[in-house]
Amino acid sequence: MSTASGTVEDVRTPRTLLTLLMLVPVAAGCQFSFSSGGPDYKKLETAIADELNKQYSPMSRQVSAVECPRPSGSPKAGSTFNCIADLEGNDVRVKVTFTDDDYNVDYETLDVVFDLAKTGKGLSEDVSEDYGFDVAVSCGSGLKVVAVGESFECEAADRRGDTRSVTVTAGGPDGNDAWEVSGSG
């Protein structure tokens, strides 16, 4: 298949997405306070929810709850656990790491949240620009939570109706998402 005829080639080099990712992974810090001789887990859950809600506000999305485990004993520097944030029925994992023995922590999301309709629109623009002709990309609707480094599929169609898969790979807090067009439809 050739680009001159307006069809999508079989395999393209992955390209970094700048417009695709709408709900970014969070890398942030929070400090615990002492409560009955230990860390204040409710305060941590609230801080995580507040940070995620700031990140998700451009999409008009809100976390309804964050649940963190309550480890027995006092956590030490380097101890970790995962909290779960509920975003419209989707679980978003948040890794919490104790940075010292005074209950200071860093936390980061282990998942990337995609608004599938907006992802398809962004991909349509990026793929069309890359190929030099109009390509429509459909990823579905709703939200999709993807672990950092994992992938999901969308479908690209050119004006003749030829289709190809678009593999989207979730980047992390310090990385960008990537996409690759391949396969036959």
C-alpha atoms as a PDB file:
ATOM      1  CA  MET A   1       0.000   0.000   0.000  1.00  0.00           C
ATOM      2  CA  SER A   2       1.374   3.418  -0.797  1.00  0.00           C
ATOM      3  CA  THR A   3       0.914   6.784   0.774  1.00  0.00           C
ATOM      4  CA  ALA A   4       0.503   8.319  -2.679  1.00  0.00           C
ATOM      5  CA  SER A   5      -2.817   6.530  -3.139  1.00  0.00           C
ATOM      6  CA  GLY A   6      -3.994   7.668   0.280  1.00  0.00           C
ATOM      7  CA  THR A   7      -3.780   4.367   2.154  1.00  0.00           C
ATOM      8  CA  VAL A   8      -2.049   3.574   5.401  1.00  0.00           C
ATOM      9  CA  GLU A   9       1.229   1.670   5.065  1.00  0.00           C
ATOM     10  CA  ASP A  10       1.536  -1.656   6.878  1.00  0.00           C
ATOM     11  CA  VAL A  11       4.074  -0.623   9.515  1.00  0.00           C
ATOM     12  CA  ARG A  12       5.226   2.789  10.669  1.00  0.00           C
ATOM     13  CA  THR A  13       7.856   3.798  13.153  1.00  0.00           C
ATOM     14  CA  PRO A  14       6.342   4.601  16.576  1.00  0.00           C
ATOM     15  CA  ARG A  15       5.876   8.305  17.159  1.00  0.00           C
ATOM     16  CA  THR A  16       5.590  10.173  20.421  1.00  0.00           C
ATOM     17  CA  LEU A  17       2.149  11.586  21.082  1.00  0.00           C
ATOM     18  CA  LEU A  18       1.895  15.133  22.234  1.00  0.00           C
ATOM     19  CA  THR A  19      -1.846  15.626  21.833  1.00  0.00           C
ATOM     20  CA  LEU A  20      -3.023  12.127  22.773  1.00  0.00           C
ATOM     21  CA  LEU A  21      -2.666  11.920  26.511  1.00  0.00           C
ATOM     22  CA  MET A  22      -5.403  13.851  28.213  1.00  0.00           C
ATOM     23  CA  LEU A  23      -5.263  12.444  31.733  1.00  0.00           C
ATOM     24  CA  VAL A  24      -1.631  12.352  32.776  1.00  0.00           C
ATOM     25  CA  PRO A  25      -0.014  10.142  35.388  1.00  0.00           C
ATOM     26  CA  VAL A  26       0.598  11.962  38.639  1.00  0.00           C
ATOM     27  CA  ALA A  27       3.948  12.299  40.345  1.00  0.00           C
ATOM     28  CA  ALA A  28       3.512  14.283  43.526  1.00  0.00           C
ATOM     29  CA  GLY A  29       4.415  14.425  47.187  1.00  0.00           C
ATOM     30  CA  CYS A  30       2.458  14.583  50.398  1.00  0.00           C
ATOM     31  CA  GLN A  31       3.297  14.636  54.082  1.00  0.00           C
ATOM     32  CA  PHE A  32       1.574  12.529  56.691  1.00  0.00           C
ATOM     33  CA  SER A  33       0.750  13.881  60.107  1.00  0.00           C
ATOM     34  CA  PHE A  34       0.756  11.868  63.307  1.00  0.00           C
ATOM     35  CA  SER A  35      -2.576  10.575  64.487  1.00  0.00           C
ATOM     36  CA  SER A  36      -2.779   8.183  67.429  1.00  0.00           C
ATOM     37  CA  GLY A  37       0.915   7.358  67.096  1.00  0.00           C
ATOM     38  CA  GLY A  38       0.985   6.710  63.341  1.00  0.00           C
ATOM     39  CA  PRO A  39       0.403   8.105  59.897  1.00  0.00           C
ATOM     40  CA  ASP A  40      -2.902   9.732  59.007  1.00  0.00           C
ATOM     41  CA  TYR A  41      -4.165   7.531  56.142  1.00  0.00           C
ATOM     42  CA  LYS A  42      -7.338   9.580  55.653  1.00  0.00           C
ATOM     43  CA  LYS A  43      -5.169  12.648  55.067  1.00  0.00           C
ATOM     44  CA  LEU A  44      -3.132  10.701  52.504  1.00  0.00           C
ATOM     45  CA  GLU A  45      -6.283   9.489  50.717  1.00  0.00           C
ATOM     46  CA  THR A  46      -7.622  13.048  50.600  1.00  0.00           C
ATOM     47  CA  ALA A  47      -4.294  14.403  49.285  1.00  0.00           C
ATOM     48  CA  ILE A  48      -4.205  11.752  46.538  1.00  0.00           C
ATOM     49  CA  ALA A  49      -7.840  12.429  45.574  1.00  0.00           C
ATOM     50  CA  ASP A  50      -7.204  16.191  45.476  1.00  0.00           C
ATOM     51  CA  GLU A  51      -4.122  15.781  43.262  1.00  0.00           C
ATOM     52  CA  LEU A  52      -5.864  13.377  40.879  1.00  0.00           C
ATOM     53  CA  ASN A  53      -8.898  15.655  40.668  1.00  0.00           C
ATOM     54  CA  LYS A  54      -6.625  18.555  39.672  1.00  0.00           C
ATOM     55  CA  GLN A  55      -5.113  16.383  36.957  1.00  0.00           C
ATOM     56  CA  TYR A  56      -8.493  15.133  35.727  1.00  0.00           C
ATOM     57  CA  SER A  57     -10.337  18.483  35.875  1.00  0.00           C
ATOM     58  CA  PRO A  58      -9.628  19.416  32.208  1.00  0.00           C
ATOM     59  CA  MET A  59     -11.697  16.337  31.328  1.00  0.00           C
ATOM     60  CA  SER A  60     -14.439  17.141  33.863  1.00  0.00           C
ATOM     61  CA  ARG A  61     -13.666  13.887  35.693  1.00  0.00           C
ATOM     62  CA  GLN A  62     -13.555  13.375  39.463  1.00  0.00           C
ATOM     63  CA  VAL A  63     -12.262  10.633  41.713  1.00  0.00           C
ATOM     64  CA  SER A  64     -15.083   9.392  43.925  1.00  0.00           C
ATOM     65  CA  ALA A  65     -12.884   7.637  46.495  1.00  0.00           C
ATOM     66  CA  VAL A  66      -9.326   6.613  47.315  1.00  0.00           C
ATOM     67  CA  GLU A  67      -8.620   3.586  49.480  1.00  0.00           C
ATOM     68  CA  CYS A  68      -5.210   2.856  50.959  1.00  0.00           C
ATOM     69  CA  PRO A  69      -4.297  -0.224  52.998  1.00  0.00           C
ATOM     70  CA  ARG A  70      -3.560   0.254  56.678  1.00  0.00           C
ATOM     71  CA  PRO A  71      -0.267  -1.618  57.245  1.00  0.00           C
ATOM     72  CA  SER A  72       0.269  -2.983  60.727  1.00  0.00           C
ATOM     73  CA  GLY A  73       3.127  -1.359  62.556  1.00  0.00           C
ATOM     74  CA  SER A  74       4.911   1.844  61.684  1.00  0.00           C
ATOM     75  CA  PRO A  75       6.089   2.143  58.085  1.00  0.00           C
ATOM     76  CA  LYS A  76       9.816   2.762  57.636  1.00  0.00           C
ATOM     77  CA  ALA A  77      11.692   4.677  54.946  1.00  0.00           C
ATOM     78  CA  GLY A  78      11.449   2.722  51.685  1.00  0.00           C
ATOM     79  CA  SER A  79       8.182   0.966  52.605  1.00  0.00           C
ATOM     80  CA  THR A  80       5.611   0.979  49.800  1.00  0.00           C
ATOM     81  CA  PHE A  81       1.982   0.094  49.197  1.00  0.00           C
ATOM     82  CA  ASN A  82      -0.616   0.757  46.521  1.00  0.00           C
ATOM     83  CA  CYS A  83      -3.778   2.786  46.975  1.00  0.00           C
ATOM     84  CA  ILE A  84      -6.746   2.498  44.608  1.00  0.00           C
ATOM     85  CA  ALA A  85      -8.555   5.572  43.290  1.00  0.00           C
ATOM     86  CA  ASP A  86     -12.059   5.105  41.851  1.00  0.00           C
ATOM     87  CA  LEU A  87     -12.509   7.152  38.677  1.00  0.00           C
ATOM     88  CA  GLU A  88     -16.015   6.568  37.345  1.00  0.00           C
ATOM     89  CA  GLY A  89     -15.863   2.863  38.203  1.00  0.00           C
ATOM     90  CA  ASN A  90     -12.278   2.449  36.953  1.00  0.00           C
ATOM     91  CA  ASP A  91      -9.464   1.586  39.355  1.00  0.00           C
ATOM     92  CA  VAL A  92      -6.381   3.807  39.119  1.00  0.00           C
ATOM     93  CA  ARG A  93      -3.418   2.457  41.103  1.00  0.00           C
ATOM     94  CA  VAL A  94      -1.287   4.888  43.096  1.00  0.00           C
ATOM     95  CA  LYS A  95       2.051   3.725  44.533  1.00  0.00           C
ATOM     96  CA  VAL A  96       2.976   5.303  47.875  1.00  0.00           C
ATOM     97  CA  THR A  97       6.599   5.252  49.056  1.00  0.00           C
ATOM     98  CA  PHE A  98       7.691   6.380  52.527  1.00  0.00           C
ATOM     99  CA  THR A  99      10.715   8.646  52.073  1.00  0.00           C
ATOM    100  CA  ASP A 100      11.707   8.727  55.736  1.00  0.00           C
ATOM    101  CA  ASP A 101      10.685   7.483  59.169  1.00  0.00           C
ATOM    102  CA  ASP A 102       8.683  10.692  59.843  1.00  0.00           C
ATOM    103  CA  TYR A 103       5.893   9.516  57.491  1.00  0.00           C
ATOM    104  CA  ASN A 104       6.773  11.748  54.567  1.00  0.00           C
ATOM    105  CA  VAL A 105       5.780  10.077  51.329  1.00  0.00           C
ATOM    106  CA  ASP A 106       5.972  10.372  47.571  1.00  0.00           C
ATOM    107  CA  TYR A 107       3.237   8.938  45.411  1.00  0.00           C
ATOM    108  CA  GLU A 108       2.749   8.319  41.716  1.00  0.00           C
ATOM    109  CA  THR A 109       0.115   6.714  39.552  1.00  0.00           C
ATOM    110  CA  LEU A 110       0.935   3.373  38.001  1.00  0.00           C
ATOM    111  CA  ASP A 111      -1.768   3.806  35.356  1.00  0.00           C
ATOM    112  CA  VAL A 112      -2.597   6.264  32.598  1.00  0.00           C
ATOM    113  CA  VAL A 113      -6.229   7.240  32.018  1.00  0.00           C
ATOM    114  CA  PHE A 114      -7.353   7.823  28.424  1.00  0.00           C
ATOM    115  CA  ASP A 115     -10.563   9.517  27.332  1.00  0.00           C
ATOM    116  CA  LEU A 116     -11.099   7.270  24.314  1.00  0.00           C
ATOM    117  CA  ALA A 117     -13.069   9.754  22.189  1.00  0.00           C
ATOM    118  CA  LYS A 118     -10.455  12.478  22.708  1.00  0.00           C
ATOM    119  CA  THR A 119      -7.657   9.968  22.175  1.00  0.00           C
ATOM    120  CA  GLY A 120      -9.179   8.997  18.800  1.00  0.00           C
ATOM    121  CA  LYS A 121      -9.458  12.651  17.809  1.00  0.00           C
ATOM    122  CA  GLY A 122      -5.853  13.379  18.802  1.00  0.00           C
ATOM    123  CA  LEU A 123      -4.629  10.280  16.987  1.00  0.00           C
ATOM    124  CA  SER A 124      -6.596  11.255  13.869  1.00  0.00           C
ATOM    125  CA  GLU A 125      -4.720  14.551  13.793  1.00  0.00           C
ATOM    126  CA  ASP A 126      -1.303  12.988  14.510  1.00  0.00           C
ATOM    127  CA  VAL A 127      -1.658  10.069  12.078  1.00  0.00           C
ATOM    128  CA  SER A 128      -3.054  12.331   9.331  1.00  0.00           C
ATOM    129  CA  GLU A 129      -0.150  14.735   9.772  1.00  0.00           C
ATOM    130  CA  ASP A 130       2.367  11.883   9.763  1.00  0.00           C
ATOM    131  CA  TYR A 131       0.926  10.245   6.620  1.00  0.00           C
ATOM    132  CA  GLY A 132       0.049  13.413   4.720  1.00  0.00           C
ATOM    133  CA  PHE A 133      -3.615  12.556   4.121  1.00  0.00           C
ATOM    134  CA  ASP A 134      -6.799  12.324   6.201  1.00  0.00           C
ATOM    135  CA  VAL A 135      -7.070   9.335   8.498  1.00  0.00           C
ATOM    136  CA  ALA A 136      -9.898   8.829  10.988  1.00  0.00           C
ATOM    137  CA  VAL A 137      -8.993   6.948  14.170  1.00  0.00           C
ATOM    138  CA  SER A 138     -11.585   5.395  16.458  1.00  0.00           C
ATOM    139  CA  CYS A 139     -10.714   4.190  19.945  1.00  0.00           C
ATOM    140  CA  GLY A 140     -14.252   3.836  21.281  1.00  0.00           C
ATOM    141  CA  SER A 141     -15.865   5.869  24.038  1.00  0.00           C
ATOM    142  CA  GLY A 142     -15.570   6.279  27.771  1.00  0.00           C
ATOM    143  CA  LEU A 143     -12.410   5.976  29.831  1.00  0.00           C
ATOM    144  CA  LYS A 144      -9.672   3.383  29.555  1.00  0.00           C
ATOM    145  CA  VAL A 145      -7.136   2.819  32.328  1.00  0.00           C
ATOM    146  CA  VAL A 146      -3.852   1.381  31.061  1.00  0.00           C
ATOM    147  CA  ALA A 147      -0.802   0.387  33.130  1.00  0.00           C
ATOM    148  CA  VAL A 148       2.311   2.411  32.317  1.00  0.00           C
ATOM    149  CA  GLY A 149       4.155   0.622  29.512  1.00  0.00           C
ATOM    150  CA  GLU A 150       1.097  -1.384  28.417  1.00  0.00           C
ATOM    151  CA  SER A 151      -0.797  -0.924  25.150  1.00  0.00           C
ATOM    152  CA  PHE A 152      -4.298  -0.912  23.682  1.00  0.00           C
ATOM    153  CA  GLU A 153      -5.674  -0.892  20.141  1.00  0.00           C
ATOM    154  CA  CYS A 154      -7.573   1.683  18.107  1.00  0.00           C
ATOM    155  CA  GLU A 155      -8.584   1.524  14.448  1.00  0.00           C
ATOM    156  CA  ALA A 156      -7.475   3.888  11.670  1.00  0.00           C
ATOM    157  CA  ALA A 157      -9.408   4.235   8.404  1.00  0.00           C
ATOM    158  CA  ASP A 158      -8.417   6.263   5.341  1.00  0.00           C
ATOM    159  CA  ARG A 159     -10.863   7.928   2.947  1.00  0.00           C
ATOM    160  CA  ARG A 160     -11.053   4.731   0.813  1.00  0.00           C
ATOM    161  CA  GLY A 161     -12.072   2.673   3.824  1.00  0.00           C
ATOM    162  CA  ASP A 162      -8.785   0.783   4.226  1.00  0.00           C
ATOM    163  CA  THR A 163      -8.201   0.108   7.919  1.00  0.00           C
ATOM    164  CA  ARG A 164      -5.231  -0.603  10.122  1.00  0.00           C
ATOM    165  CA  SER A 165      -4.685  -1.098  13.831  1.00  0.00           C
ATOM    166  CA  VAL A 166      -3.133   1.665  15.855  1.00  0.00           C
ATOM    167  CA  THR A 167      -1.313   0.445  18.947  1.00  0.00           C
ATOM    168  CA  VAL A 168      -1.168   3.047  21.714  1.00  0.00           C
ATOM    169  CA  THR A 169       1.415   2.548  24.469  1.00  0.00           C
ATOM    170  CA  ALA A 170       0.971   4.409  27.768  1.00  0.00           C
ATOM    171  CA  GLY A 171       3.944   6.490  28.903  1.00  0.00           C
ATOM    172  CA  GLY A 172       4.754   7.152  32.534  1.00  0.00           C
ATOM    173  CA  PRO A 173       4.914  10.344  34.602  1.00  0.00           C
ATOM    174  CA  ASP A 174       8.219  11.264  32.939  1.00  0.00           C
ATOM    175  CA  GLY A 175       7.479   9.801  29.498  1.00  0.00           C
ATOM    176  CA  ASN A 176       5.184  10.375  26.571  1.00  0.00           C
ATOM    177  CA  ASP A 177       2.661   8.008  25.064  1.00  0.00           C
ATOM    178  CA  ALA A 178       3.546   6.464  21.708  1.00  0.00           C
ATOM    179  CA  TRP A 179       1.551   5.071  18.789  1.00  0.00           C
ATOM    180  CA  GLU A 180       2.243   2.754  15.907  1.00  0.00           C
ATOM    181  CA  VAL A 181       0.095   1.925  12.858  1.00  0.00           C
ATOM    182  CA  SER A 182       0.328  -1.685  11.667  1.00  0.00           C
ATOM    183  CA  GLY A 183      -1.633  -4.754  10.565  1.00  0.00           C
ATOM    184  CA  SER A 184      -4.453  -5.130   8.105  1.00  0.00           C
ATOM    185  CA  GLY A 185      -8.120  -4.497   8.544  1.00  0.00           C
END
